[in-house]
Amino acid sequence: MAYTSLLTARDGPVERLTLNRPDVRNAFNDHVVAELTEWALQVARQPMADRPRAVVLAGAGKMFCAGADVTWMAKTVEYTEEENIRDAMAMSRMFHALDTLPMPLVGRIQGAALGGGAGLAAVCDIVVAEDGAIFGFTETKLGILPAVISPFALAKIGRSAARELFLTGARFGAARAKEIGLVHAVVPAADLDGTVDMYVRELMSAAPEAVTAAKALIPRVWTQSVEAAADFTTRTIAARRVSKEGQEGLRAFLEKRTPSWKA
């Protein structure tokens, strides 16, 4: 599918997905939301042999994503409550589709990730930011809330950081973003792409089906007690051990050879 607000490029097993509205700092509007949702759903529908093993999400130009487009916000001022519900539900579906991708999503963040842009960082499995990047859940500064992104942001940063940052709407730097778990690596701008590629290489060294299963394991288990999760987790590891990929990985380790997915 051809997109007008996104750039997509397949690099072997890696897909490069770029927000391509640099003239408005890659801000969201309803068209961007629709395209991101469609992209995520079609990638998830692909057979495992055809789909990418990892996706790198970036923003064109000097900024990752500034949140909502001013023109779009101006339009929503005139929306009824029902129209706003439909609009917000579309954005919720987009974040959910990205959050539940069956492959790792690696965020490459430069400049700033504000509002919904911070929400995009929250749905990335791994986030690399340049050391000068600025983040913010800035919605309360506009009299609104980071409501739609809150399930994803809370899963990343926890309640304590959310109490400070959701309420104040304050902007914060990359070092603080790393401290609260929104970002995983903070590097000089010159090292941004190299660090993203390092994470991609690590992902490529792991078994693709196992990576997908590990990603699905996290939301299934993280709110459960050990006792409540025990049946699911024990059955899950048993199934992986007897799977073709699990057998290959274990035998390759024991035989001191490279597993097939790295060959």
C-alpha atoms as a PDB file:
ATOM      1  CA  MET A   1       0.000   0.000   0.000  1.00  0.00           C
ATOM      2  CA  ALA A   2       1.219   3.519  -0.831  1.00  0.00           C
ATOM      3  CA  TYR A   3       1.207   5.975   2.073  1.00  0.00           C
ATOM      4  CA  THR A   4       1.269   9.767   2.005  1.00  0.00           C
ATOM      5  CA  SER A   5       2.374  10.390   5.606  1.00  0.00           C
ATOM      6  CA  LEU A   6       4.681   7.413   6.103  1.00  0.00           C
ATOM      7  CA  LEU A   7       7.796   6.064   4.459  1.00  0.00           C
ATOM      8  CA  THR A   8       8.365   2.321   4.543  1.00  0.00           C
ATOM      9  CA  ALA A   9      11.482   0.497   3.417  1.00  0.00           C
ATOM     10  CA  ARG A  10      12.326  -3.161   3.827  1.00  0.00           C
ATOM     11  CA  ASP A  11      15.974  -3.898   4.616  1.00  0.00           C
ATOM     12  CA  GLY A  12      16.157  -7.691   4.647  1.00  0.00           C
ATOM     13  CA  PRO A  13      14.420  -8.850   7.821  1.00  0.00           C
ATOM     14  CA  VAL A  14      14.068  -5.267   9.121  1.00  0.00           C
ATOM     15  CA  GLU A  15      11.374  -2.756   8.179  1.00  0.00           C
ATOM     16  CA  ARG A  16      12.125   0.964   8.459  1.00  0.00           C
ATOM     17  CA  LEU A  17       8.950   2.949   9.188  1.00  0.00           C
ATOM     18  CA  THR A  18       9.281   6.735   9.159  1.00  0.00           C
ATOM     19  CA  LEU A  19       6.759   9.420  10.037  1.00  0.00           C
ATOM     20  CA  ASN A  20       7.124  11.688   7.015  1.00  0.00           C
ATOM     21  CA  ARG A  21       5.645  15.088   7.836  1.00  0.00           C
ATOM     22  CA  PRO A  22       8.772  17.036   8.771  1.00  0.00           C
ATOM     23  CA  ASP A  23       7.146  20.375   7.857  1.00  0.00           C
ATOM     24  CA  VAL A  24       4.772  19.951  10.848  1.00  0.00           C
ATOM     25  CA  ARG A  25       7.292  18.097  13.064  1.00  0.00           C
ATOM     26  CA  ASN A  26       5.685  14.744  12.193  1.00  0.00           C
ATOM     27  CA  ALA A  27       2.551  15.666  14.109  1.00  0.00           C
ATOM     28  CA  PHE A  28      -0.522  13.443  14.133  1.00  0.00           C
ATOM     29  CA  ASN A  29      -3.736  14.082  12.303  1.00  0.00           C
ATOM     30  CA  ASP A  30      -6.570  11.716  11.456  1.00  0.00           C
ATOM     31  CA  HIS A  31      -4.850  10.721   8.216  1.00  0.00           C
ATOM     32  CA  VAL A  32      -1.606   9.754  10.016  1.00  0.00           C
ATOM     33  CA  VAL A  33      -3.608   7.775  12.559  1.00  0.00           C
ATOM     34  CA  ALA A  34      -5.409   5.882   9.786  1.00  0.00           C
ATOM     35  CA  GLU A  35      -2.189   5.111   7.909  1.00  0.00           C
ATOM     36  CA  LEU A  36      -0.288   3.924  10.997  1.00  0.00           C
ATOM     37  CA  THR A  37      -3.223   1.697  11.941  1.00  0.00           C
ATOM     38  CA  GLU A  38      -3.484   0.219   8.453  1.00  0.00           C
ATOM     39  CA  TRP A  39       0.271  -0.353   8.285  1.00  0.00           C
ATOM     40  CA  ALA A  40       0.337  -2.131  11.672  1.00  0.00           C
ATOM     41  CA  LEU A  41      -2.662  -4.329  10.877  1.00  0.00           C
ATOM     42  CA  GLN A  42      -1.369  -5.397   7.468  1.00  0.00           C
ATOM     43  CA  VAL A  43       2.095  -6.236   8.845  1.00  0.00           C
ATOM     44  CA  ALA A  44       0.547  -8.289  11.652  1.00  0.00           C
ATOM     45  CA  ARG A  45      -1.563 -10.217   9.120  1.00  0.00           C
ATOM     46  CA  GLN A  46       1.436 -11.318   7.073  1.00  0.00           C
ATOM     47  CA  PRO A  47       2.612 -14.935   7.378  1.00  0.00           C
ATOM     48  CA  MET A  48       5.595 -15.168   9.694  1.00  0.00           C
ATOM     49  CA  ALA A  49       7.893 -16.123   6.825  1.00  0.00           C
ATOM     50  CA  ASP A  50       7.019 -12.891   4.981  1.00  0.00           C
ATOM     51  CA  ARG A  51       6.823 -10.301   7.722  1.00  0.00           C
ATOM     52  CA  PRO A  52       9.784  -8.369   9.137  1.00  0.00           C
ATOM     53  CA  ARG A  53      11.552  -9.678  12.218  1.00  0.00           C
ATOM     54  CA  ALA A  54      11.920  -6.153  13.605  1.00  0.00           C
ATOM     55  CA  VAL A  55      10.649  -2.658  12.824  1.00  0.00           C
ATOM     56  CA  VAL A  56      12.505   0.623  13.375  1.00  0.00           C
ATOM     57  CA  LEU A  57      10.168   3.588  13.912  1.00  0.00           C
ATOM     58  CA  ALA A  58      11.650   7.019  13.202  1.00  0.00           C
ATOM     59  CA  GLY A  59      10.636  10.568  12.344  1.00  0.00           C
ATOM     60  CA  ALA A  60      11.834  12.505   9.291  1.00  0.00           C
ATOM     61  CA  GLY A  61      13.666  15.758   9.835  1.00  0.00           C
ATOM     62  CA  LYS A  62      14.694  17.287  13.144  1.00  0.00           C
ATOM     63  CA  MET A  63      11.925  15.909  15.383  1.00  0.00           C
ATOM     64  CA  PHE A  64      10.487  12.471  16.082  1.00  0.00           C
ATOM     65  CA  CYS A  65       6.881  13.547  16.743  1.00  0.00           C
ATOM     66  CA  ALA A  66       5.392  16.730  18.195  1.00  0.00           C
ATOM     67  CA  GLY A  67       2.042  15.190  19.108  1.00  0.00           C
ATOM     68  CA  ALA A  68      -1.194  16.440  17.568  1.00  0.00           C
ATOM     69  CA  ASP A  69      -1.230  18.620  14.455  1.00  0.00           C
ATOM     70  CA  VAL A  70      -2.395  22.187  15.237  1.00  0.00           C
ATOM     71  CA  THR A  71      -4.759  22.149  12.245  1.00  0.00           C
ATOM     72  CA  TRP A  72      -6.281  18.887  13.450  1.00  0.00           C
ATOM     73  CA  MET A  73      -6.654  20.258  16.990  1.00  0.00           C
ATOM     74  CA  ALA A  74      -8.386  23.346  15.611  1.00  0.00           C
ATOM     75  CA  LYS A  75     -10.874  21.105  13.823  1.00  0.00           C
ATOM     76  CA  THR A  76     -11.595  19.010  16.920  1.00  0.00           C
ATOM     77  CA  VAL A  77     -12.525  22.134  18.906  1.00  0.00           C
ATOM     78  CA  GLU A  78     -15.781  22.124  16.934  1.00  0.00           C
ATOM     79  CA  TYR A  79     -16.422  18.386  17.379  1.00  0.00           C
ATOM     80  CA  THR A  80     -19.344  17.135  19.421  1.00  0.00           C
ATOM     81  CA  GLU A  81     -18.614  14.746  22.284  1.00  0.00           C
ATOM     82  CA  GLU A  82     -19.666  11.816  20.085  1.00  0.00           C
ATOM     83  CA  GLU A  83     -17.358  12.957  17.298  1.00  0.00           C
ATOM     84  CA  ASN A  84     -14.538  13.259  19.818  1.00  0.00           C
ATOM     85  CA  ILE A  85     -15.222   9.729  21.044  1.00  0.00           C
ATOM     86  CA  ARG A  86     -14.909   8.366  17.494  1.00  0.00           C
ATOM     87  CA  ASP A  87     -11.733  10.388  16.945  1.00  0.00           C
ATOM     88  CA  ALA A  88     -10.146   9.220  20.199  1.00  0.00           C
ATOM     89  CA  MET A  89     -11.184   5.614  19.589  1.00  0.00           C
ATOM     90  CA  ALA A  90      -9.394   5.654  16.235  1.00  0.00           C
ATOM     91  CA  MET A  91      -6.211   6.814  17.970  1.00  0.00           C
ATOM     92  CA  SER A  92      -6.628   4.178  20.682  1.00  0.00           C
ATOM     93  CA  ARG A  93      -6.887   1.477  18.000  1.00  0.00           C
ATOM     94  CA  MET A  94      -3.704   2.816  16.393  1.00  0.00           C
ATOM     95  CA  PHE A  95      -1.681   2.656  19.620  1.00  0.00           C
ATOM     96  CA  HIS A  96      -3.052  -0.802  20.393  1.00  0.00           C
ATOM     97  CA  ALA A  97      -2.167  -2.062  16.906  1.00  0.00           C
ATOM     98  CA  LEU A  98       1.400  -0.799  17.295  1.00  0.00           C
ATOM     99  CA  ASP A  99       1.696  -2.062  20.863  1.00  0.00           C
ATOM    100  CA  THR A 100       0.639  -5.579  19.906  1.00  0.00           C
ATOM    101  CA  LEU A 101       2.737  -5.981  16.775  1.00  0.00           C
ATOM    102  CA  PRO A 102       4.042  -9.566  16.660  1.00  0.00           C
ATOM    103  CA  MET A 103       7.614  -8.334  16.235  1.00  0.00           C
ATOM    104  CA  PRO A 104       9.809  -5.873  18.150  1.00  0.00           C
ATOM    105  CA  LEU A 105       9.279  -2.168  17.514  1.00  0.00           C
ATOM    106  CA  VAL A 106      12.433  -0.098  18.014  1.00  0.00           C
ATOM    107  CA  GLY A 107      11.995   3.655  18.454  1.00  0.00           C
ATOM    108  CA  ARG A 108      14.636   6.049  17.111  1.00  0.00           C
ATOM    109  CA  ILE A 109      14.007   9.404  18.769  1.00  0.00           C
ATOM    110  CA  GLN A 110      15.590  12.718  17.955  1.00  0.00           C
ATOM    111  CA  GLY A 111      14.468  16.256  18.749  1.00  0.00           C
ATOM    112  CA  ALA A 112      11.302  15.669  20.760  1.00  0.00           C
ATOM    113  CA  ALA A 113       8.516  13.209  21.470  1.00  0.00           C
ATOM    114  CA  LEU A 114       5.600  15.145  22.941  1.00  0.00           C
ATOM    115  CA  GLY A 115       2.017  14.186  23.749  1.00  0.00           C
ATOM    116  CA  GLY A 116       1.095  11.438  21.313  1.00  0.00           C
ATOM    117  CA  GLY A 117       4.760  11.305  20.308  1.00  0.00           C
ATOM    118  CA  ALA A 118       5.581  10.240  23.864  1.00  0.00           C
ATOM    119  CA  GLY A 119       2.790   7.704  23.455  1.00  0.00           C
ATOM    120  CA  LEU A 120       4.602   6.299  20.427  1.00  0.00           C
ATOM    121  CA  ALA A 121       7.731   5.936  22.536  1.00  0.00           C
ATOM    122  CA  ALA A 122       5.647   4.061  25.104  1.00  0.00           C
ATOM    123  CA  VAL A 123       4.473   1.437  22.599  1.00  0.00           C
ATOM    124  CA  CYS A 124       8.006   0.790  21.333  1.00  0.00           C
ATOM    125  CA  ASP A 125       9.661  -2.277  22.827  1.00  0.00           C
ATOM    126  CA  ILE A 126      13.087  -0.656  22.708  1.00  0.00           C
ATOM    127  CA  VAL A 127      13.707   3.096  22.571  1.00  0.00           C
ATOM    128  CA  VAL A 128      16.973   4.814  21.656  1.00  0.00           C
ATOM    129  CA  ALA A 129      17.081   8.596  22.082  1.00  0.00           C
ATOM    130  CA  GLU A 130      19.660  11.226  21.325  1.00  0.00           C
ATOM    131  CA  ASP A 131      20.908  12.923  24.469  1.00  0.00           C
ATOM    132  CA  GLY A 132      19.290  16.243  23.541  1.00  0.00           C
ATOM    133  CA  ALA A 133      15.801  14.813  22.986  1.00  0.00           C
ATOM    134  CA  ILE A 134      12.874  16.251  24.950  1.00  0.00           C
ATOM    135  CA  PHE A 135       9.818  14.300  26.091  1.00  0.00           C
ATOM    136  CA  GLY A 136       6.533  15.314  27.639  1.00  0.00           C
ATOM    137  CA  PHE A 137       3.008  14.181  28.417  1.00  0.00           C
ATOM    138  CA  THR A 138       2.000  17.766  27.747  1.00  0.00           C
ATOM    139  CA  GLU A 139      -1.777  17.421  27.398  1.00  0.00           C
ATOM    140  CA  THR A 140      -2.748  19.133  30.673  1.00  0.00           C
ATOM    141  CA  LYS A 141      -1.033  22.303  29.433  1.00  0.00           C
ATOM    142  CA  LEU A 142      -3.838  22.408  26.840  1.00  0.00           C
ATOM    143  CA  GLY A 143      -6.624  21.564  29.278  1.00  0.00           C
ATOM    144  CA  ILE A 144      -6.913  17.961  28.079  1.00  0.00           C
ATOM    145  CA  LEU A 145      -5.498  14.619  29.246  1.00  0.00           C
ATOM    146  CA  PRO A 146      -3.024  11.937  28.120  1.00  0.00           C
ATOM    147  CA  ALA A 147      -5.983   9.579  28.361  1.00  0.00           C
ATOM    148  CA  VAL A 148      -5.686   7.460  25.216  1.00  0.00           C
ATOM    149  CA  ILE A 149      -1.947   6.879  25.685  1.00  0.00           C
ATOM    150  CA  SER A 150      -2.232   6.279  29.440  1.00  0.00           C
ATOM    151  CA  PRO A 151      -2.491   2.433  29.362  1.00  0.00           C
ATOM    152  CA  PHE A 152       0.700   2.240  27.317  1.00  0.00           C
ATOM    153  CA  ALA A 153       2.571   4.985  29.172  1.00  0.00           C
ATOM    154  CA  LEU A 154       1.672   3.609  32.607  1.00  0.00           C
ATOM    155  CA  ALA A 155       2.928   0.174  31.575  1.00  0.00           C
ATOM    156  CA  LYS A 156       6.260   1.817  30.744  1.00  0.00           C
ATOM    157  CA  ILE A 157       6.803   4.488  33.419  1.00  0.00           C
ATOM    158  CA  GLY A 158       4.649   3.346  36.356  1.00  0.00           C
ATOM    159  CA  ARG A 159       2.239   5.242  38.600  1.00  0.00           C
ATOM    160  CA  SER A 160       4.717   7.391  40.485  1.00  0.00           C
ATOM    161  CA  ALA A 161       6.300   8.999  37.418  1.00  0.00           C
ATOM    162  CA  ALA A 162       2.858   9.354  35.823  1.00  0.00           C
ATOM    163  CA  ARG A 163       1.569  11.236  38.872  1.00  0.00           C
ATOM    164  CA  GLU A 164       4.271  13.812  38.377  1.00  0.00           C
ATOM    165  CA  LEU A 165       4.443  13.987  34.589  1.00  0.00           C
ATOM    166  CA  PHE A 166       0.791  13.532  33.621  1.00  0.00           C
ATOM    167  CA  LEU A 167      -0.336  16.148  36.134  1.00  0.00           C
ATOM    168  CA  THR A 168       2.293  18.803  35.482  1.00  0.00           C
ATOM    169  CA  GLY A 169       2.552  18.262  31.737  1.00  0.00           C
ATOM    170  CA  ALA A 170       6.219  19.168  32.224  1.00  0.00           C
ATOM    171  CA  ARG A 171       8.807  18.495  29.561  1.00  0.00           C
ATOM    172  CA  PHE A 172      11.788  16.362  30.552  1.00  0.00           C
ATOM    173  CA  GLY A 173      15.047  15.284  29.027  1.00  0.00           C
ATOM    174  CA  ALA A 174      16.284  11.992  27.673  1.00  0.00           C
ATOM    175  CA  ALA A 175      18.179  11.146  30.868  1.00  0.00           C
ATOM    176  CA  ARG A 176      14.961  11.396  32.913  1.00  0.00           C
ATOM    177  CA  ALA A 177      13.106   9.403  30.254  1.00  0.00           C
ATOM    178  CA  LYS A 178      15.670   6.634  30.690  1.00  0.00           C
ATOM    179  CA  GLU A 179      15.412   6.841  34.470  1.00  0.00           C
ATOM    180  CA  ILE A 180      11.654   6.194  34.386  1.00  0.00           C
ATOM    181  CA  GLY A 181      11.840   3.450  31.752  1.00  0.00           C
ATOM    182  CA  LEU A 182      10.404   5.306  28.756  1.00  0.00           C
ATOM    183  CA  VAL A 183      13.800   5.133  27.025  1.00  0.00           C
ATOM    184  CA  HIS A 184      16.389   2.364  27.132  1.00  0.00           C
ATOM    185  CA  ALA A 185      19.491   4.031  25.690  1.00  0.00           C
ATOM    186  CA  VAL A 186      20.567   7.684  25.537  1.00  0.00           C
ATOM    187  CA  VAL A 187      23.414   8.480  23.148  1.00  0.00           C
ATOM    188  CA  PRO A 188      24.959  11.427  21.303  1.00  0.00           C
ATOM    189  CA  ALA A 189      23.153  12.261  18.066  1.00  0.00           C
ATOM    190  CA  ALA A 190      26.100  10.916  16.056  1.00  0.00           C
ATOM    191  CA  ASP A 191      25.651   7.499  17.687  1.00  0.00           C
ATOM    192  CA  LEU A 192      21.875   7.268  17.321  1.00  0.00           C
ATOM    193  CA  ASP A 193      21.744   5.087  14.206  1.00  0.00           C
ATOM    194  CA  GLY A 194      24.653   2.916  15.319  1.00  0.00           C
ATOM    195  CA  THR A 195      22.948   2.184  18.639  1.00  0.00           C
ATOM    196  CA  VAL A 196      19.641   1.394  16.926  1.00  0.00           C
ATOM    197  CA  ASP A 197      21.501  -0.988  14.623  1.00  0.00           C
ATOM    198  CA  MET A 198      23.187  -2.619  17.617  1.00  0.00           C
ATOM    199  CA  TYR A 199      19.788  -3.405  19.126  1.00  0.00           C
ATOM    200  CA  VAL A 200      18.567  -4.700  15.761  1.00  0.00           C
ATOM    201  CA  ARG A 201      21.568  -7.041  15.546  1.00  0.00           C
ATOM    202  CA  GLU A 202      20.772  -8.349  19.031  1.00  0.00           C
ATOM    203  CA  LEU A 203      17.188  -8.994  17.952  1.00  0.00           C
ATOM    204  CA  MET A 204      18.358 -10.775  14.810  1.00  0.00           C
ATOM    205  CA  SER A 205      20.509 -13.085  16.938  1.00  0.00           C
ATOM    206  CA  ALA A 206      17.411 -14.268  18.830  1.00  0.00           C
ATOM    207  CA  ALA A 207      14.993 -16.858  17.447  1.00  0.00           C
ATOM    208  CA  PRO A 208      12.129 -15.057  15.649  1.00  0.00           C
ATOM    209  CA  GLU A 209       9.270 -17.211  16.959  1.00  0.00           C
ATOM    210  CA  ALA A 210      10.694 -17.008  20.473  1.00  0.00           C
ATOM    211  CA  VAL A 211      10.902 -13.214  20.235  1.00  0.00           C
ATOM    212  CA  THR A 212       7.253 -13.019  19.185  1.00  0.00           C
ATOM    213  CA  ALA A 213       6.234 -15.355  22.004  1.00  0.00           C
ATOM    214  CA  ALA A 214       8.320 -13.434  24.553  1.00  0.00           C
ATOM    215  CA  LYS A 215       6.652 -10.162  23.553  1.00  0.00           C
ATOM    216  CA  ALA A 216       3.207 -11.730  23.960  1.00  0.00           C
ATOM    217  CA  LEU A 217       4.233 -13.235  27.311  1.00  0.00           C
ATOM    218  CA  ILE A 218       4.911  -9.880  28.976  1.00  0.00           C
ATOM    219  CA  PRO A 219       1.379  -8.343  28.995  1.00  0.00           C
ATOM    220  CA  ARG A 220      -0.128 -11.749  29.760  1.00  0.00           C
ATOM    221  CA  VAL A 221       1.968 -12.251  32.904  1.00  0.00           C
ATOM    222  CA  TRP A 222       3.004  -8.884  34.332  1.00  0.00           C
ATOM    223  CA  THR A 223      -0.151  -8.209  36.414  1.00  0.00           C
ATOM    224  CA  GLN A 224      -0.499 -11.783  37.677  1.00  0.00           C
ATOM    225  CA  SER A 225       0.905 -13.443  40.762  1.00  0.00           C
ATOM    226  CA  VAL A 226       3.338 -16.326  40.336  1.00  0.00           C
ATOM    227  CA  GLU A 227       0.602 -18.733  41.367  1.00  0.00           C
ATOM    228  CA  ALA A 228      -1.944 -17.334  38.916  1.00  0.00           C
ATOM    229  CA  ALA A 229       0.546 -17.377  36.038  1.00  0.00           C
ATOM    230  CA  ALA A 230       2.047 -20.780  36.787  1.00  0.00           C
ATOM    231  CA  ASP A 231      -0.165 -22.910  34.541  1.00  0.00           C
ATOM    232  CA  PHE A 232       0.286 -20.615  31.549  1.00  0.00           C
ATOM    233  CA  THR A 233       4.036 -20.105  31.993  1.00  0.00           C
ATOM    234  CA  THR A 234       4.867 -23.770  32.513  1.00  0.00           C
ATOM    235  CA  ARG A 235       2.821 -24.832  29.501  1.00  0.00           C
ATOM    236  CA  THR A 236       4.369 -22.049  27.437  1.00  0.00           C
ATOM    237  CA  ILE A 237       7.973 -23.046  28.141  1.00  0.00           C
ATOM    238  CA  ALA A 238       7.162 -26.738  27.642  1.00  0.00           C
ATOM    239  CA  ALA A 239       5.659 -25.970  24.223  1.00  0.00           C
ATOM    240  CA  ARG A 240       8.710 -23.899  23.256  1.00  0.00           C
ATOM    241  CA  ARG A 241      11.134 -26.650  24.304  1.00  0.00           C
ATOM    242  CA  VAL A 242       9.500 -29.189  22.020  1.00  0.00           C
ATOM    243  CA  SER A 243       8.926 -26.748  19.138  1.00  0.00           C
ATOM    244  CA  LYS A 244      11.055 -26.980  16.002  1.00  0.00           C
ATOM    245  CA  GLU A 245      12.722 -23.669  16.775  1.00  0.00           C
ATOM    246  CA  GLY A 246      13.282 -24.527  20.425  1.00  0.00           C
ATOM    247  CA  GLN A 247      14.814 -27.875  19.523  1.00  0.00           C
ATOM    248  CA  GLU A 248      17.078 -26.179  16.982  1.00  0.00           C
ATOM    249  CA  GLY A 249      18.256 -23.574  19.489  1.00  0.00           C
ATOM    250  CA  LEU A 250      18.944 -26.048  22.268  1.00  0.00           C
ATOM    251  CA  ARG A 251      20.717 -28.512  19.972  1.00  0.00           C
ATOM    252  CA  ALA A 252      22.802 -25.730  18.398  1.00  0.00           C
ATOM    253  CA  PHE A 253      23.900 -24.619  21.856  1.00  0.00           C
ATOM    254  CA  LEU A 254      24.811 -28.143  22.933  1.00  0.00           C
ATOM    255  CA  GLU A 255      26.578 -28.865  19.631  1.00  0.00           C
ATOM    256  CA  LYS A 256      28.409 -25.512  19.736  1.00  0.00           C
ATOM    257  CA  ARG A 257      27.159 -24.398  16.333  1.00  0.00           C
ATOM    258  CA  THR A 258      25.238 -21.443  14.932  1.00  0.00           C
ATOM    259  CA  PRO A 259      21.444 -21.891  15.011  1.00  0.00           C
ATOM    260  CA  SER A 260      19.619 -21.799  11.689  1.00  0.00           C
ATOM    261  CA  TRP A 261      18.068 -18.348  12.197  1.00  0.00           C
ATOM    262  CA  LYS A 262      21.561 -16.803  12.387  1.00  0.00           C
ATOM    263  CA  ALA A 263      23.038 -18.691   9.457  1.00  0.00           C
END
